[in-house]
Amino acid sequence: MRRRKTKEDYLKRTNRYTIMFNDRELNALNAFFERYKISNRSRYMREAIITAILKKFDEDYPTLWEEKEPNLFSKNLN
């Protein structure tokens, strides 16, 4: 028998995404983490990225009237 997926199974992080930094960016990140005593760096960066994405979604929320520029929710995103 297969085990049924629980809520925790859906929340497991199984996908990897890699980013690269130049030396100056990495030094800035390390100085920031050290200054603010951030020990869980991946959690901090994940939360910062998701926060920025959700903020952008809120700014680009579709309205009743079409805007001239296409946005994230437009059908034609060429």
Protein backbone atom coordinates (compact mmCIF):
# COMPACT_ATOMS: atom_id res chain seq x y z
CA MET A 1 0.00 0.00 0.00
CA ARG A 2 1.06 3.54 -0.69
CA ARG A 3 1.25 6.03 2.07
CA ARG A 4 -1.09 8.99 1.63
CA LYS A 5 0.64 12.36 1.35
CA THR A 6 0.22 14.55 4.38
CA LYS A 7 0.33 18.32 4.60
CA GLU A 8 3.97 18.15 5.69
CA ASP A 9 4.86 16.19 2.55
CA TYR A 10 3.60 19.03 0.39
CA LEU A 11 5.65 21.55 2.35
CA LYS A 12 8.97 19.70 2.00
CA ARG A 13 11.52 21.60 -0.04
CA THR A 14 12.64 19.19 -2.73
CA ASN A 15 13.50 21.63 -5.53
CA ARG A 16 16.90 23.28 -5.77
CA TYR A 17 17.59 26.67 -7.33
CA THR A 18 21.14 27.97 -7.51
CA ILE A 19 22.29 31.58 -7.80
CA MET A 20 25.78 32.95 -8.18
CA PHE A 21 27.30 36.14 -6.76
CA ASN A 22 30.39 38.09 -7.69
CA ASP A 23 32.98 38.82 -4.99
CA ARG A 24 31.55 42.22 -4.03
CA GLU A 25 27.99 40.87 -3.73
CA LEU A 26 29.17 37.93 -1.63
CA ASN A 27 31.19 40.22 0.66
CA ALA A 28 28.14 42.45 1.13
CA LEU A 29 25.95 39.45 1.96
CA ASN A 30 28.46 38.04 4.42
CA ALA A 31 28.87 41.43 6.12
CA PHE A 32 25.08 41.74 6.38
CA PHE A 33 24.68 38.26 7.84
CA GLU A 34 27.45 38.90 10.32
CA ARG A 35 26.20 42.34 11.36
CA TYR A 36 22.64 41.16 11.98
CA LYS A 37 23.68 37.75 13.36
CA ILE A 38 21.71 35.77 10.78
CA SER A 39 22.65 32.13 11.16
CA ASN A 40 20.13 30.54 8.79
CA ARG A 41 21.18 32.19 5.53
CA SER A 42 19.09 30.09 3.18
CA ARG A 43 15.92 30.81 5.18
CA TYR A 44 16.66 34.54 5.17
CA MET A 45 17.28 34.65 1.40
CA ARG A 46 14.23 32.47 0.68
CA GLU A 47 12.01 34.78 2.75
CA ALA A 48 13.51 37.91 1.17
CA ILE A 49 12.92 36.57 -2.35
CA ILE A 50 9.36 35.43 -1.65
CA THR A 51 8.56 38.76 0.06
CA ALA A 52 9.78 40.68 -2.99
CA ILE A 53 7.76 38.46 -5.32
CA LEU A 54 4.55 38.81 -3.30
CA LYS A 55 5.03 42.58 -3.12
CA LYS A 56 5.39 42.72 -6.92
CA PHE A 57 2.24 40.57 -7.33
CA ASP A 58 0.35 43.06 -5.15
CA GLU A 59 1.61 46.00 -7.21
CA ASP A 60 0.71 44.33 -10.50
CA TYR A 61 -2.73 43.14 -9.47
CA PRO A 62 -5.14 43.29 -12.44
CA THR A 63 -7.71 46.09 -12.48
CA LEU A 64 -11.09 46.48 -14.13
CA TRP A 65 -9.54 48.60 -16.87
CA GLU A 66 -6.72 47.32 -19.03
CA GLU A 67 -3.44 49.11 -18.63
CA LYS A 68 -1.30 50.02 -21.63
CA GLU A 69 1.67 47.98 -20.46
CA PRO A 70 1.29 44.22 -20.12
CA ASN A 71 1.63 42.88 -16.61
CA LEU A 72 2.14 39.47 -15.01
CA PHE A 73 -1.52 38.56 -15.41
CA SER A 74 -1.84 39.59 -19.06
CA LYS A 75 -2.53 36.88 -21.60
CA ASN A 76 -0.07 38.27 -24.17
CA LEU A 77 3.35 38.36 -22.51
CA ASN A 78 5.57 38.45 -25.62
